[in-house]
C-alpha atoms as a PDB file:
ATOM      1  CA  MET A   1      31.510  47.655 -58.447  1.00  0.00           C
ATOM      2  CA  SER A   2      30.322  47.451 -54.860  1.00  0.00           C
ATOM      3  CA  GLU A   3      28.544  44.346 -53.738  1.00  0.00           C
ATOM      4  CA  ARG A   4      25.248  44.690 -51.750  1.00  0.00           C
ATOM      5  CA  LEU A   5      25.329  42.958 -48.416  1.00  0.00           C
ATOM      6  CA  ASP A   6      22.484  41.839 -46.147  1.00  0.00           C
ATOM      7  CA  PHE A   7      23.352  42.837 -42.629  1.00  0.00           C
ATOM      8  CA  PRO A   8      22.331  40.789 -39.577  1.00  0.00           C
ATOM      9  CA  GLN A   9      19.445  42.304 -37.649  1.00  0.00           C
ATOM     10  CA  GLY A  10      20.664  44.749 -35.010  1.00  0.00           C
ATOM     11  CA  LEU A  11      24.013  45.420 -36.747  1.00  0.00           C
ATOM     12  CA  LYS A  12      24.660  48.689 -38.513  1.00  0.00           C
ATOM     13  CA  PRO A  13      25.955  48.706 -42.135  1.00  0.00           C
ATOM     14  CA  SER A  14      28.861  50.765 -40.950  1.00  0.00           C
ATOM     15  CA  VAL A  15      30.505  47.686 -39.536  1.00  0.00           C
ATOM     16  CA  TYR A  16      31.041  46.397 -43.049  1.00  0.00           C
ATOM     17  CA  LYS A  17      32.952  47.771 -45.985  1.00  0.00           C
ATOM     18  CA  ALA A  18      32.836  46.385 -49.475  1.00  0.00           C
ATOM     19  CA  ARG A  19      36.100  46.680 -51.343  1.00  0.00           C
ATOM     20  CA  CYS A  20      36.859  44.995 -54.652  1.00  0.00           C
ATOM     21  CA  GLY A  21      33.940  42.618 -54.187  1.00  0.00           C
ATOM     22  CA  THR A  22      35.201  41.403 -50.817  1.00  0.00           C
ATOM     23  CA  ALA A  23      33.463  42.223 -47.537  1.00  0.00           C
ATOM     24  CA  GLU A  24      35.802  43.606 -44.928  1.00  0.00           C
ATOM     25  CA  ALA A  25      34.408  43.051 -41.463  1.00  0.00           C
ATOM     26  CA  VAL A  26      37.073  44.542 -39.265  1.00  0.00           C
ATOM     27  CA  PRO A  27      34.635  45.693 -36.554  1.00  0.00           C
ATOM     28  CA  LEU A  28      32.474  42.561 -36.957  1.00  0.00           C
ATOM     29  CA  GLN A  29      34.015  40.625 -34.094  1.00  0.00           C
ATOM     30  CA  ASN A  30      33.424  43.465 -31.681  1.00  0.00           C
ATOM     31  CA  ALA A  31      29.886  43.963 -32.988  1.00  0.00           C
ATOM     32  CA  LEU A  32      28.941  40.324 -32.471  1.00  0.00           C
ATOM     33  CA  MET A  33      30.208  40.486 -28.919  1.00  0.00           C
ATOM     34  CA  ARG A  34      27.757  43.241 -28.077  1.00  0.00           C
ATOM     35  CA  PRO A  35      24.474  42.171 -26.347  1.00  0.00           C
ATOM     36  CA  VAL A  36      21.586  41.777 -28.737  1.00  0.00           C
ATOM     37  CA  PHE A  37      19.124  43.172 -26.163  1.00  0.00           C
ATOM     38  CA  SER A  38      19.552  46.415 -24.352  1.00  0.00           C
ATOM     39  CA  ASN A  39      19.235  46.657 -20.569  1.00  0.00           C
ATOM     40  CA  ALA A  40      15.774  48.107 -20.947  1.00  0.00           C
ATOM     41  CA  SER A  41      14.562  45.271 -23.160  1.00  0.00           C
ATOM     42  CA  ARG A  42      16.018  42.631 -20.829  1.00  0.00           C
ATOM     43  CA  GLN A  43      14.141  43.809 -17.716  1.00  0.00           C
ATOM     44  CA  PRO A  44      10.648  42.491 -18.604  1.00  0.00           C
ATOM     45  CA  LEU A  45      12.140  39.118 -19.542  1.00  0.00           C
ATOM     46  CA  LEU A  46      14.014  38.829 -16.244  1.00  0.00           C
ATOM     47  CA  VAL A  47      10.878  39.752 -14.319  1.00  0.00           C
ATOM     48  CA  ARG A  48       8.915  37.020 -16.101  1.00  0.00           C
ATOM     49  CA  ILE A  49      11.605  34.438 -15.370  1.00  0.00           C
ATOM     50  CA  ALA A  50      11.624  35.436 -11.688  1.00  0.00           C
ATOM     51  CA  LEU A  51       7.841  35.137 -11.444  1.00  0.00           C
ATOM     52  CA  VAL A  52       7.891  31.672 -13.020  1.00  0.00           C
ATOM     53  CA  ALA A  53      10.604  30.562 -10.583  1.00  0.00           C
ATOM     54  CA  VAL A  54       8.640  31.852  -7.587  1.00  0.00           C
ATOM     55  CA  ALA A  55       5.484  30.081  -8.784  1.00  0.00           C
ATOM     56  CA  ALA A  56       7.393  26.826  -9.254  1.00  0.00           C
ATOM     57  CA  LEU A  57       8.833  27.005  -5.734  1.00  0.00           C
ATOM     58  CA  ALA A  58       5.400  27.785  -4.289  1.00  0.00           C
ATOM     59  CA  SER A  59       3.925  24.712  -5.950  1.00  0.00           C
ATOM     60  CA  LEU A  60       6.599  22.553  -4.333  1.00  0.00           C
ATOM     61  CA  ALA A  61       6.026  23.937  -0.835  1.00  0.00           C
ATOM     62  CA  PRO A  62       3.957  21.640   1.452  1.00  0.00           C
ATOM     63  CA  ALA A  63       0.392  22.716   2.203  1.00  0.00           C
ATOM     64  CA  ALA A  64      -0.277  23.980   5.698  1.00  0.00           C
ATOM     65  CA  ALA A  65      -1.412  21.214   8.033  1.00  0.00           C
ATOM     66  CA  GLN A  66      -5.051  21.264   9.116  1.00  0.00           C
ATOM     67  CA  GLN A  67      -5.044  19.519  12.468  1.00  0.00           C
ATOM     68  CA  THR A  68      -8.203  17.930  13.791  1.00  0.00           C
ATOM     69  CA  GLU A  69      -8.510  16.607  17.327  1.00  0.00           C
ATOM     70  CA  ILE A  70     -11.061  14.168  18.716  1.00  0.00           C
ATOM     71  CA  LYS A  71     -11.167  13.892  22.507  1.00  0.00           C
ATOM     72  CA  LEU A  72     -13.378  11.213  24.041  1.00  0.00           C
ATOM     73  CA  ASP A  73     -15.098  11.704  27.387  1.00  0.00           C
ATOM     74  CA  PRO A  74     -14.450   8.670  29.659  1.00  0.00           C
ATOM     75  CA  ALA A  75     -17.629   9.412  31.649  1.00  0.00           C
ATOM     76  CA  LYS A  76     -19.706   9.247  28.428  1.00  0.00           C
ATOM     77  CA  THR A  77     -17.945   6.252  26.877  1.00  0.00           C
ATOM     78  CA  ARG A  78     -19.300   2.722  27.135  1.00  0.00           C
ATOM     79  CA  ILE A  79     -17.084  -0.258  26.242  1.00  0.00           C
ATOM     80  CA  GLU A  80     -18.916  -3.587  26.124  1.00  0.00           C
ATOM     81  CA  TRP A  81     -17.541  -7.062  25.477  1.00  0.00           C
ATOM     82  CA  THR A  82     -19.377 -10.254  24.594  1.00  0.00           C
ATOM     83  CA  LEU A  83     -18.078 -13.819  24.898  1.00  0.00           C
ATOM     84  CA  GLY A  84     -20.224 -16.734  23.805  1.00  0.00           C
ATOM     85  CA  ASP A  85     -20.178 -20.240  25.257  1.00  0.00           C
ATOM     86  CA  VAL A  86     -22.170 -23.420  24.743  1.00  0.00           C
ATOM     87  CA  LEU A  87     -24.806 -22.528  27.344  1.00  0.00           C
ATOM     88  CA  HIS A  88     -25.182 -18.752  27.168  1.00  0.00           C
ATOM     89  CA  THR A  89     -23.500 -15.484  26.285  1.00  0.00           C
ATOM     90  CA  VAL A  90     -21.391 -13.607  28.825  1.00  0.00           C
ATOM     91  CA  GLN A  91     -21.391  -9.826  28.625  1.00  0.00           C
ATOM     92  CA  GLY A  92     -19.346  -7.259  30.470  1.00  0.00           C
ATOM     93  CA  THR A  93     -17.762  -3.832  30.368  1.00  0.00           C
ATOM     94  CA  PHE A  94     -14.428  -2.012  30.580  1.00  0.00           C
ATOM     95  CA  GLN A  95     -13.698   1.572  31.571  1.00  0.00           C
ATOM     96  CA  LEU A  96     -12.014   4.129  29.318  1.00  0.00           C
ATOM     97  CA  LYS A  97      -9.081   5.906  30.991  1.00  0.00           C
ATOM     98  CA  SER A  98      -8.431   8.437  28.217  1.00  0.00           C
ATOM     99  CA  GLY A  99      -9.043   8.847  24.506  1.00  0.00           C
ATOM    100  CA  MET A 100      -7.621  11.227  21.937  1.00  0.00           C
ATOM    101  CA  ILE A 101      -7.127  11.054  18.172  1.00  0.00           C
ATOM    102  CA  VAL A 102      -5.187  13.844  16.472  1.00  0.00           C
ATOM    103  CA  PHE A 103      -4.863  13.858  12.682  1.00  0.00           C
ATOM    104  CA  ASP A 104      -4.064  15.983   9.646  1.00  0.00           C
ATOM    105  CA  SER A 105      -7.262  16.158   7.603  1.00  0.00           C
ATOM    106  CA  LYS A 106      -5.239  16.595   4.386  1.00  0.00           C
ATOM    107  CA  THR A 107      -2.682  13.793   4.705  1.00  0.00           C
ATOM    108  CA  GLY A 108      -4.533  11.542   7.156  1.00  0.00           C
ATOM    109  CA  GLU A 109      -1.431  11.179   9.330  1.00  0.00           C
ATOM    110  CA  ALA A 110      -2.599  10.533  12.882  1.00  0.00           C
ATOM    111  CA  GLY A 111      -1.470  10.191  16.480  1.00  0.00           C
ATOM    112  CA  GLY A 112      -2.851  10.048  19.989  1.00  0.00           C
ATOM    113  CA  GLN A 113      -4.014   7.121  22.116  1.00  0.00           C
ATOM    114  CA  ILE A 114      -7.176   5.424  23.341  1.00  0.00           C
ATOM    115  CA  VAL A 115      -6.397   3.823  26.702  1.00  0.00           C
ATOM    116  CA  VAL A 116      -8.630   1.259  28.427  1.00  0.00           C
ATOM    117  CA  ASP A 117      -8.220   0.098  32.024  1.00  0.00           C
ATOM    118  CA  ALA A 118      -7.673  -3.660  31.783  1.00  0.00           C
ATOM    119  CA  THR A 119      -8.264  -4.057  35.519  1.00  0.00           C
ATOM    120  CA  SER A 120     -11.807  -2.683  35.179  1.00  0.00           C
ATOM    121  CA  GLY A 121     -13.296  -5.720  33.424  1.00  0.00           C
ATOM    122  CA  ASN A 122     -16.708  -6.445  34.915  1.00  0.00           C
ATOM    123  CA  SER A 123     -19.259  -9.086  33.966  1.00  0.00           C
ATOM    124  CA  GLY A 124     -21.246  -9.000  37.181  1.00  0.00           C
ATOM    125  CA  ASN A 125     -19.717 -12.229  38.466  1.00  0.00           C
ATOM    126  CA  GLY A 126     -16.807 -11.670  40.845  1.00  0.00           C
ATOM    127  CA  MET A 127     -15.309 -15.151  40.533  1.00  0.00           C
ATOM    128  CA  ARG A 128     -15.442 -15.079  36.731  1.00  0.00           C
ATOM    129  CA  ASP A 129     -14.025 -11.569  36.578  1.00  0.00           C
ATOM    130  CA  SER A 130     -11.167 -12.480  38.897  1.00  0.00           C
ATOM    131  CA  LYS A 131     -10.256 -15.434  36.698  1.00  0.00           C
ATOM    132  CA  MET A 132     -10.434 -13.269  33.555  1.00  0.00           C
ATOM    133  CA  LYS A 133      -8.100 -10.629  34.988  1.00  0.00           C
ATOM    134  CA  LYS A 134      -5.667 -13.083  36.579  1.00  0.00           C
ATOM    135  CA  GLU A 135      -5.468 -15.859  33.979  1.00  0.00           C
ATOM    136  CA  VAL A 136      -6.550 -14.333  30.663  1.00  0.00           C
ATOM    137  CA  LEU A 137      -5.669 -10.632  30.654  1.00  0.00           C
ATOM    138  CA  GLU A 138      -3.009 -10.834  33.410  1.00  0.00           C
ATOM    139  CA  SER A 139      -4.041  -7.273  34.173  1.00  0.00           C
ATOM    140  CA  ALA A 140      -1.686  -6.946  37.152  1.00  0.00           C
ATOM    141  CA  ARG A 141       1.167  -7.252  34.670  1.00  0.00           C
ATOM    142  CA  TYR A 142      -0.541  -5.555  31.709  1.00  0.00           C
ATOM    143  CA  PRO A 143      -2.883  -2.973  33.284  1.00  0.00           C
ATOM    144  CA  GLU A 144      -3.704  -1.073  30.076  1.00  0.00           C
ATOM    145  CA  ILE A 145      -5.143  -1.873  26.670  1.00  0.00           C
ATOM    146  CA  VAL A 146      -4.033   0.792  24.184  1.00  0.00           C
ATOM    147  CA  PHE A 147      -5.066   1.651  20.645  1.00  0.00           C
ATOM    148  CA  THR A 148      -2.632   4.006  18.865  1.00  0.00           C
ATOM    149  CA  PRO A 149      -3.983   5.677  15.693  1.00  0.00           C
ATOM    150  CA  LYS A 150      -1.627   5.963  12.688  1.00  0.00           C
ATOM    151  CA  HIS A 151      -3.863   7.053   9.816  1.00  0.00           C
ATOM    152  CA  VAL A 152      -7.391   8.465   9.430  1.00  0.00           C
ATOM    153  CA  SER A 153      -9.439   8.423   6.231  1.00  0.00           C
ATOM    154  CA  GLY A 154     -13.023   9.294   5.314  1.00  0.00           C
ATOM    155  CA  TYR A 155     -13.336  12.397   7.461  1.00  0.00           C
ATOM    156  CA  VAL A 156     -15.019  15.361   5.733  1.00  0.00           C
ATOM    157  CA  ALA A 157     -14.756  18.681   7.545  1.00  0.00           C
ATOM    158  CA  GLY A 158     -18.109  20.423   7.937  1.00  0.00           C
ATOM    159  CA  GLN A 159     -20.123  17.278   7.229  1.00  0.00           C
ATOM    160  CA  GLU A 160     -22.494  16.265  10.014  1.00  0.00           C
ATOM    161  CA  SER A 161     -22.372  12.500   9.434  1.00  0.00           C
ATOM    162  CA  SER A 162     -19.542  10.424   8.006  1.00  0.00           C
ATOM    163  CA  THR A 163     -17.835   7.059   8.388  1.00  0.00           C
ATOM    164  CA  VAL A 164     -14.203   7.310   9.389  1.00  0.00           C
ATOM    165  CA  GLN A 165     -11.546   4.614   9.073  1.00  0.00           C
ATOM    166  CA  VAL A 166      -8.850   4.740  11.755  1.00  0.00           C
ATOM    167  CA  ALA A 167      -5.859   2.447  11.176  1.00  0.00           C
ATOM    168  CA  GLY A 168      -3.417   1.835  13.981  1.00  0.00           C
ATOM    169  CA  THR A 169      -2.007  -0.640  16.470  1.00  0.00           C
ATOM    170  CA  PHE A 170      -3.794  -2.427  19.321  1.00  0.00           C
ATOM    171  CA  ALA A 171      -1.642  -3.307  22.330  1.00  0.00           C
ATOM    172  CA  ILE A 172      -2.979  -5.925  24.743  1.00  0.00           C
ATOM    173  CA  HIS A 173      -1.375  -8.512  27.026  1.00  0.00           C
ATOM    174  CA  GLY A 174       2.137  -7.488  25.969  1.00  0.00           C
ATOM    175  CA  GLY A 175       1.519  -7.855  22.227  1.00  0.00           C
ATOM    176  CA  THR A 176       0.902  -5.267  19.514  1.00  0.00           C
ATOM    177  CA  HIS A 177      -1.427  -5.978  16.582  1.00  0.00           C
ATOM    178  CA  GLU A 178      -2.528  -4.084  13.492  1.00  0.00           C
ATOM    179  CA  LEU A 179      -6.167  -2.970  13.709  1.00  0.00           C
ATOM    180  CA  THR A 180      -8.441  -0.730  11.650  1.00  0.00           C
ATOM    181  CA  LEU A 181     -11.545   0.693  13.295  1.00  0.00           C
ATOM    182  CA  THR A 182     -14.625   1.771  11.352  1.00  0.00           C
ATOM    183  CA  LEU A 183     -16.324   4.659  13.165  1.00  0.00           C
ATOM    184  CA  PRO A 184     -19.642   6.145  12.053  1.00  0.00           C
ATOM    185  CA  ILE A 185     -19.503   9.629  13.581  1.00  0.00           C
ATOM    186  CA  VAL A 186     -22.037  12.419  13.992  1.00  0.00           C
ATOM    187  CA  VAL A 187     -20.884  15.974  14.645  1.00  0.00           C
ATOM    188  CA  LYS A 188     -23.468  18.283  16.197  1.00  0.00           C
ATOM    189  CA  ARG A 189     -23.394  21.529  18.089  1.00  0.00           C
ATOM    190  CA  THR A 190     -23.138  19.509  21.291  1.00  0.00           C
ATOM    191  CA  GLY A 191     -20.063  17.644  20.087  1.00  0.00           C
ATOM    192  CA  LEU A 192     -19.188  14.349  18.514  1.00  0.00           C
ATOM    193  CA  GLU A 193     -20.769  10.914  18.815  1.00  0.00           C
ATOM    194  CA  ALA A 194     -18.840   7.849  17.653  1.00  0.00           C
ATOM    195  CA  HIS A 195     -19.509   4.121  17.547  1.00  0.00           C
ATOM    196  CA  THR A 196     -17.400   1.141  16.541  1.00  0.00           C
ATOM    197  CA  LYS A 197     -17.312  -2.654  16.754  1.00  0.00           C
ATOM    198  CA  PHE A 198     -14.450  -5.090  16.297  1.00  0.00           C
ATOM    199  CA  VAL A 199     -13.300  -8.593  17.229  1.00  0.00           C
ATOM    200  CA  VAL A 200     -10.403  -9.564  19.479  1.00  0.00           C
ATOM    201  CA  PRO A 201      -9.079 -13.088  18.716  1.00  0.00           C
ATOM    202  CA  TYR A 202      -7.662 -13.379  22.215  1.00  0.00           C
ATOM    203  CA  GLU A 203      -6.426 -16.968  21.926  1.00  0.00           C
ATOM    204  CA  GLU A 204      -4.655 -16.225  18.620  1.00  0.00           C
ATOM    205  CA  TRP A 205      -3.060 -13.198  20.290  1.00  0.00           C
ATOM    206  CA  GLY A 206      -1.479 -15.298  23.034  1.00  0.00           C
ATOM    207  CA  MET A 207      -4.057 -15.160  25.825  1.00  0.00           C
ATOM    208  CA  LYS A 208      -5.336 -18.198  27.661  1.00  0.00           C
ATOM    209  CA  ASN A 209      -8.652 -19.721  26.655  1.00  0.00           C
ATOM    210  CA  PRO A 210     -10.758 -19.932  29.848  1.00  0.00           C
ATOM    211  CA  SER A 211     -12.675 -22.993  28.676  1.00  0.00           C
ATOM    212  CA  THR A 212     -13.014 -25.897  31.097  1.00  0.00           C
ATOM    213  CA  LEU A 213     -13.856 -29.549  30.577  1.00  0.00           C
ATOM    214  CA  PHE A 214     -17.584 -28.865  30.843  1.00  0.00           C
ATOM    215  CA  LEU A 215     -17.724 -25.265  29.644  1.00  0.00           C
ATOM    216  CA  LYS A 216     -16.420 -24.298  26.215  1.00  0.00           C
ATOM    217  CA  VAL A 217     -16.210 -20.662  25.191  1.00  0.00           C
ATOM    218  CA  GLU A 218     -15.534 -19.016  21.852  1.00  0.00           C
ATOM    219  CA  LYS A 219     -12.016 -18.065  20.857  1.00  0.00           C
ATOM    220  CA  THR A 220     -12.922 -14.486  20.043  1.00  0.00           C
ATOM    221  CA  VAL A 221     -14.448 -11.598  21.995  1.00  0.00           C
ATOM    222  CA  GLN A 222     -16.810  -9.060  20.416  1.00  0.00           C
ATOM    223  CA  ILE A 223     -16.092  -5.449  21.413  1.00  0.00           C
ATOM    224  CA  SER A 224     -18.572  -2.585  21.051  1.00  0.00           C
ATOM    225  CA  ILE A 225     -17.735   1.042  21.879  1.00  0.00           C
ATOM    226  CA  SER A 226     -19.995   4.078  21.939  1.00  0.00           C
ATOM    227  CA  SER A 227     -18.654   7.457  22.980  1.00  0.00           C
ATOM    228  CA  VAL A 228     -19.402  11.164  23.180  1.00  0.00           C
ATOM    229  CA  GLY A 229     -16.630  13.676  22.978  1.00  0.00           C
ATOM    230  CA  GLU A 230     -15.220  16.859  21.561  1.00  0.00           C
ATOM    231  CA  LEU A 231     -14.013  17.680  18.061  1.00  0.00           C
ATOM    232  CA  GLN A 232     -11.750  20.634  17.332  1.00  0.00           C
ATOM    233  CA  THR A 233     -10.226  21.856  14.089  1.00  0.00           C
ATOM    234  CA  ALA A 234      -8.187  24.871  13.018  1.00  0.00           C
ATOM    235  CA  ASN A 235     -11.322  26.621  11.712  1.00  0.00           C
ATOM    236  CA  ALA A 236     -14.018  25.564  14.145  1.00  0.00           C
ATOM    237  CA  SER A 237     -14.639  23.672  17.323  1.00  0.00           C
ATOM    238  CA  HIS A 238     -17.498  21.608  18.704  1.00  0.00           C
ATOM    239  CA  THR A 239     -17.722  20.941  22.422  1.00  0.00           C
ATOM    240  CA  SER A 240     -19.682  18.211  24.148  1.00  0.00           C
ATOM    241  CA  ASN A 241     -22.143  18.945  26.972  1.00  0.00           C
END
């Protein structure tokens, strides 16, 4: 009496023979070695796998950089310094030689330089200014004061007003110091306006304190900068008058 067999899906009954209650599967080995899916049925699956792989690689690819450039106009930049003493407050100015900040608005990575002429210090008193340049700044030896941006945060493209944080290094009198500037900026059709204030602890940074026996001055100098310039991005540009 023949025994009924359940055949695996995709295999024809002809591969089996039932003799004396024992299943003979002579062609079974060859049948199992055959592909379960035909070439036609495999194509959609391979296409789906390829699409998933392409999507995964695309997600790993870095986003295109969106470079933004801020260029300051030396003629429209005012750098003021204030030094207090026991009798009164001394105020003066420096001149900007050049100023540019370039950054990726997505990552915040930044570069460029803001360069100030250290020999241009002017308080309106020739004797005092000469002493400042010769004894404090040593501007003949260190003629430039340079801020180098490293990272920018807070900038929003297309927004008229924002407060930007610019972290970088401040090089003065042969030393380099970490410094973060806070810049409220306004972007208009005529360009960009920026303002910032910070403190230079000149004595702590290795410069001579100009105090005398009868005249004591503070150990820090207040710096205030206001500037007009140009802002350019990959999508739009604003140019100053």
